[in-house]
Amino acid sequence: RESKNYMKAVLSCRIFIVIVLLFAFGAVGFAQSTSARGRGKVVVVFPAEQMNGIAANALLKTLEEPPPDTYLLLVAHQPARLPATIRSRCRHVPAPRATTAQAQAWLQAQGLANAASLLGQAGGAPLVAVTLADPALQQERRVWLDALAAPRSMSPVALAARIDGAPREERKARLALGIDWLIAWTADLGRVASGGAAAFNPDFAAPLAELARVVAPKALFRYHRSLLRQRMLVAHPLQPRLVAEMVLLDYRSVFP
């Protein structure tokens, strides 16, 4: 179940920009139309920072001269990415993220015992943390991270073969999961090697500290960048198991 849900999320990321572009044009038409019930109209654009220049320009005129009783809400996680012409015509209402203590308390109230670990895996986003609580997903994560914690004895072929254990339509989602775990792991490894603390995998702080003593920093950073590029290609036609083998073999090379 978790793989199917994750696949939907992966595929939705690829059409975000198209959706926002079409929505921007549709929003303009909706804002200029007459309300069917004679009341005000509300248009929500999210994520607003995904708009390209064409979509932003289409929305700009309506922002400059909005029709009566029409409200446009632009929701953005990274408002600095919005064009200055858009930002200057909006009222800014910050919505700060919950503190770690608040998020953990909320997760515990939902009945999640390992709130700190889930919150770390979710990058501090409590709603995402709830979706990661599935026991099967957590078990698979532990198998991968246990292997990454011992790179010299890790078998890239055996670990990658776990992807083929899923139905064919779920394998790209399994690959995406594996790459996401690698991205978070290497990011934590870089933090610990620089004197910081693990952010995504606090439950693996001890193995990360051991690896941080022997990792090659430059090779690690290059590898992390390659993972980010590979993550963008997950939905393309490819052999998930072979891709997993490649990135896992490359992982071992960052330890001289």
Protein backbone atom coordinates (compact mmCIF):
# COMPACT_ATOMS: atom_id res chain seq x y z
CA ARG A 1 0.00 0.00 0.00
CA GLU A 2 2.73 2.44 0.96
CA SER A 3 4.51 1.84 -2.36
CA LYS A 4 1.40 2.66 -4.36
CA ASN A 5 0.85 5.85 -2.37
CA TYR A 6 4.48 6.82 -2.83
CA MET A 7 4.26 6.16 -6.58
CA LYS A 8 1.31 8.54 -6.78
CA ALA A 9 3.39 11.18 -5.03
CA VAL A 10 6.34 10.60 -7.38
CA LEU A 11 4.21 10.89 -10.48
CA SER A 12 2.35 13.93 -9.16
CA CYS A 13 5.67 15.75 -8.76
CA ARG A 14 6.25 15.44 -12.50
CA ILE A 15 3.00 17.20 -13.37
CA PHE A 16 3.07 19.87 -10.68
CA ILE A 17 4.30 22.57 -13.04
CA VAL A 18 1.76 21.67 -15.72
CA ILE A 19 -1.07 21.71 -13.20
CA VAL A 20 -0.05 25.08 -11.78
CA LEU A 21 0.34 26.55 -15.25
CA LEU A 22 -3.12 25.40 -16.33
CA PHE A 23 -4.55 26.41 -12.98
CA ALA A 24 -3.14 29.93 -13.30
CA PHE A 25 -4.93 30.45 -16.60
CA GLY A 26 -8.09 28.86 -15.25
CA ALA A 27 -7.88 30.99 -12.12
CA VAL A 28 -7.84 34.16 -14.20
CA GLY A 29 -10.96 33.11 -16.06
CA PHE A 30 -12.68 32.07 -12.84
CA ALA A 31 -11.81 35.34 -11.12
CA GLN A 32 -13.22 37.39 -14.01
CA SER A 33 -16.48 35.42 -14.15
CA THR A 34 -19.62 36.19 -12.19
CA SER A 35 -20.29 34.20 -9.05
CA ALA A 36 -23.15 31.74 -9.58
CA ARG A 37 -24.60 32.49 -6.13
CA GLY A 38 -23.84 36.17 -5.94
CA ARG A 39 -21.14 35.74 -3.30
CA GLY A 40 -17.41 36.31 -3.23
CA LYS A 41 -14.91 34.03 -4.97
CA VAL A 42 -11.68 32.56 -3.60
CA VAL A 43 -8.83 31.22 -5.74
CA VAL A 44 -6.01 29.22 -4.09
CA VAL A 45 -2.74 28.74 -6.01
CA PHE A 46 -0.49 26.11 -4.44
CA PRO A 47 2.42 25.65 -4.68
CA ALA A 48 2.68 29.18 -6.05
CA GLU A 49 6.47 29.06 -6.44
CA GLN A 50 6.06 26.41 -9.14
CA MET A 51 4.57 28.96 -11.55
CA ASN A 52 6.79 29.74 -14.51
CA GLY A 53 7.01 33.18 -16.12
CA ILE A 54 4.06 32.60 -18.45
CA ALA A 55 1.74 31.55 -15.64
CA ALA A 56 2.89 34.41 -13.39
CA ASN A 57 2.28 36.99 -16.12
CA ALA A 58 -1.18 35.55 -16.75
CA LEU A 59 -2.01 36.01 -13.07
CA LEU A 60 -0.36 39.40 -12.68
CA LYS A 61 -3.11 41.49 -14.32
CA THR A 62 -5.76 39.96 -12.07
CA LEU A 63 -3.59 40.66 -9.01
CA GLU A 64 -3.21 44.29 -10.09
CA GLU A 65 -6.94 44.80 -10.65
CA PRO A 66 -8.88 42.03 -8.91
CA PRO A 67 -12.62 41.93 -9.54
CA PRO A 68 -14.88 42.90 -6.61
CA ASP A 69 -15.27 40.34 -3.84
CA THR A 70 -12.51 38.16 -5.28
CA TYR A 71 -9.66 36.81 -3.15
CA LEU A 72 -6.52 35.16 -4.49
CA LEU A 73 -4.46 33.14 -2.01
CA LEU A 74 -0.95 32.25 -3.17
CA VAL A 75 0.57 29.60 -0.91
CA ALA A 76 4.35 29.15 -1.18
CA HIS A 77 6.93 27.25 0.85
CA GLN A 78 9.66 29.33 -0.84
CA PRO A 79 8.13 32.77 -1.45
CA ALA A 80 11.50 34.20 -2.56
CA ARG A 81 11.13 32.11 -5.73
CA LEU A 82 8.03 34.07 -6.73
CA PRO A 83 8.65 36.93 -9.18
CA ALA A 84 9.09 40.31 -7.51
CA THR A 85 6.12 41.64 -9.50
CA ILE A 86 3.90 39.00 -7.88
CA ARG A 87 5.26 39.45 -4.34
CA SER A 88 4.89 43.22 -4.44
CA ARG A 89 1.17 42.93 -5.16
CA CYS A 90 0.38 40.53 -2.33
CA ARG A 91 -0.12 40.89 1.39
CA HIS A 92 2.41 38.62 3.12
CA VAL A 93 1.06 36.39 5.89
CA PRO A 94 3.83 34.15 7.35
CA ALA A 95 2.76 30.68 8.51
CA PRO A 96 5.70 29.40 10.57
CA ARG A 97 6.44 25.70 10.89
CA ALA A 98 5.65 24.07 14.21
CA THR A 99 8.60 23.69 16.55
CA THR A 100 10.15 20.25 16.97
CA ALA A 101 8.65 19.93 20.45
CA GLN A 102 5.18 20.88 19.18
CA ALA A 103 5.41 18.49 16.24
CA GLN A 104 6.59 15.59 18.39
CA ALA A 105 3.84 16.22 20.95
CA TRP A 106 1.25 16.20 18.16
CA LEU A 107 2.62 12.98 16.68
CA GLN A 108 2.57 11.31 20.08
CA ALA A 109 -1.04 12.41 20.46
CA GLN A 110 -1.77 10.54 17.22
CA GLY A 111 -0.48 7.36 18.87
CA LEU A 112 2.97 7.28 17.25
CA ALA A 113 5.57 6.10 19.73
CA ASN A 114 8.67 6.80 17.59
CA ALA A 115 7.75 10.44 16.98
CA ALA A 116 11.32 11.79 16.99
CA SER A 117 12.53 9.30 14.38
CA LEU A 118 9.53 9.79 12.10
CA LEU A 119 9.79 13.57 12.35
CA GLY A 120 13.46 13.41 11.40
CA GLN A 121 12.72 11.20 8.39
CA ALA A 122 10.05 13.67 7.30
CA GLY A 123 12.40 16.64 7.48
CA GLY A 124 10.43 18.16 10.35
CA ALA A 125 7.02 17.97 8.62
CA PRO A 126 4.56 16.26 11.00
CA LEU A 127 1.89 15.47 8.39
CA VAL A 128 4.50 13.73 6.24
CA ALA A 129 5.74 11.90 9.33
CA VAL A 130 2.30 10.32 9.78
CA THR A 131 2.50 8.84 6.27
CA LEU A 132 5.87 7.24 7.09
CA ALA A 133 4.62 5.34 10.13
CA ASP A 134 3.63 2.19 8.21
CA PRO A 135 5.48 -0.75 9.86
CA ALA A 136 6.36 -2.39 6.51
CA LEU A 137 7.87 0.86 5.24
CA GLN A 138 9.88 1.29 8.43
CA GLN A 139 11.13 -2.29 8.27
CA GLU A 140 12.34 -1.83 4.69
CA ARG A 141 14.06 1.44 5.66
CA ARG A 142 15.89 -0.34 8.47
CA VAL A 143 17.12 -3.05 6.08
CA TRP A 144 18.53 -0.39 3.75
CA LEU A 145 20.11 1.73 6.47
CA ASP A 146 21.63 -1.28 8.22
CA ALA A 147 23.31 -2.10 4.91
CA LEU A 148 24.46 1.49 4.35
CA ALA A 149 25.94 1.52 7.85
CA ALA A 150 28.35 -1.24 6.79
CA PRO A 151 29.46 -0.22 3.28
CA ARG A 152 32.42 -2.63 3.08
CA SER A 153 30.25 -5.69 3.72
CA MET A 154 27.17 -4.39 1.89
CA SER A 155 26.06 -6.31 -1.18
CA PRO A 156 24.70 -3.79 -3.74
CA VAL A 157 23.31 -6.64 -5.85
CA ALA A 158 21.40 -8.22 -2.96
CA LEU A 159 20.04 -4.90 -1.68
CA ALA A 160 18.98 -3.76 -5.14
CA ALA A 161 17.30 -7.12 -5.74
CA ARG A 162 14.77 -6.24 -3.03
CA ILE A 163 13.24 -3.82 -5.52
CA ASP A 164 12.38 -6.72 -7.83
CA GLY A 165 10.47 -8.30 -4.95
CA ALA A 166 7.70 -5.76 -5.55
CA PRO A 167 5.15 -6.00 -8.37
CA ARG A 168 6.43 -4.49 -11.62
CA GLU A 169 4.19 -1.41 -11.37
CA GLU A 170 5.60 -0.60 -7.93
CA ARG A 171 9.31 -0.96 -8.65
CA LYS A 172 9.96 2.64 -9.64
CA ALA A 173 8.33 3.76 -6.41
CA ARG A 174 10.58 1.33 -4.50
CA LEU A 175 13.60 2.80 -6.32
CA ALA A 176 12.46 6.30 -5.38
CA LEU A 177 12.26 5.23 -1.75
CA GLY A 178 15.76 3.79 -1.86
CA ILE A 179 17.22 6.92 -3.45
CA ASP A 180 15.41 9.13 -0.94
CA TRP A 181 16.93 7.10 1.90
CA LEU A 182 20.36 7.44 0.30
CA ILE A 183 19.93 11.20 -0.11
CA ALA A 184 18.93 11.62 3.53
CA TRP A 185 21.70 9.27 4.70
CA THR A 186 24.46 11.05 2.79
CA ALA A 187 23.15 14.45 3.88
CA ASP A 188 23.34 13.30 7.49
CA LEU A 189 26.79 11.84 6.89
CA GLY A 190 27.98 15.21 5.61
CA ARG A 191 26.50 16.96 8.64
CA VAL A 192 28.13 14.61 11.12
CA ALA A 193 31.48 14.76 9.30
CA SER A 194 31.31 18.56 9.62
CA GLY A 195 30.66 18.41 13.35
CA GLY A 196 26.86 18.54 13.27
CA ALA A 197 24.15 16.08 14.21
CA ALA A 198 22.07 13.72 12.10
CA ALA A 199 18.83 15.41 11.06
CA PHE A 200 17.00 12.78 8.99
CA ASN A 201 18.20 9.63 10.74
CA PRO A 202 18.68 10.40 14.44
CA ASP A 203 18.07 6.72 15.24
CA PHE A 204 21.28 5.87 13.34
CA ALA A 205 23.48 8.49 14.99
CA ALA A 206 26.10 5.97 16.17
CA PRO A 207 26.79 4.31 12.78
CA LEU A 208 26.85 7.70 11.09
CA ALA A 209 29.45 8.92 13.57
CA GLU A 210 31.63 5.89 12.81
CA LEU A 211 31.38 6.38 9.05
CA ALA A 212 32.02 10.12 9.33
CA ARG A 213 35.55 9.35 10.51
CA VAL A 214 36.50 7.53 7.32
CA VAL A 215 34.36 9.07 4.57
CA ALA A 216 36.02 11.10 1.81
CA PRO A 217 34.25 14.50 2.02
CA LYS A 218 34.70 15.61 -1.60
CA ALA A 219 33.62 12.24 -2.94
CA LEU A 220 30.62 12.28 -0.59
CA PHE A 221 29.44 15.68 -1.81
CA ARG A 222 29.83 14.69 -5.45
CA TYR A 223 27.90 11.50 -4.78
CA HIS A 224 25.13 13.39 -3.00
CA ARG A 225 24.73 15.69 -6.02
CA SER A 226 24.56 12.68 -8.32
CA LEU A 227 21.76 11.22 -6.19
CA LEU A 228 19.76 14.44 -6.50
CA ARG A 229 20.11 14.26 -10.28
CA GLN A 230 19.18 10.59 -10.32
CA ARG A 231 16.10 11.27 -8.20
CA MET A 232 14.75 13.53 -10.93
CA LEU A 233 14.93 10.66 -13.43
CA VAL A 234 13.06 8.04 -11.40
CA ALA A 235 9.86 8.29 -13.43
CA HIS A 236 11.72 7.87 -16.74
CA PRO A 237 11.82 4.48 -18.49
CA LEU A 238 14.62 2.53 -16.81
CA GLN A 239 15.44 -0.69 -14.98
CA PRO A 240 14.95 0.14 -11.27
CA ARG A 241 17.12 -2.73 -10.01
CA LEU A 242 20.05 -1.81 -12.26
CA VAL A 243 19.83 1.85 -11.24
CA ALA A 244 19.82 0.81 -7.58
CA GLU A 245 22.88 -1.37 -8.12
CA MET A 246 24.70 1.54 -9.76
CA VAL A 247 24.01 4.08 -7.00
CA LEU A 248 24.86 1.54 -4.28
CA LEU A 249 28.17 0.65 -5.94
CA ASP A 250 28.95 4.36 -6.17
CA TYR A 251 28.12 4.71 -2.47
CA ARG A 252 30.84 2.25 -1.50
CA SER A 253 33.38 4.30 -3.47
CA VAL A 254 33.10 7.29 -1.10
CA PHE A 255 34.90 5.25 1.58
CA PRO A 256 38.61 4.94 0.69
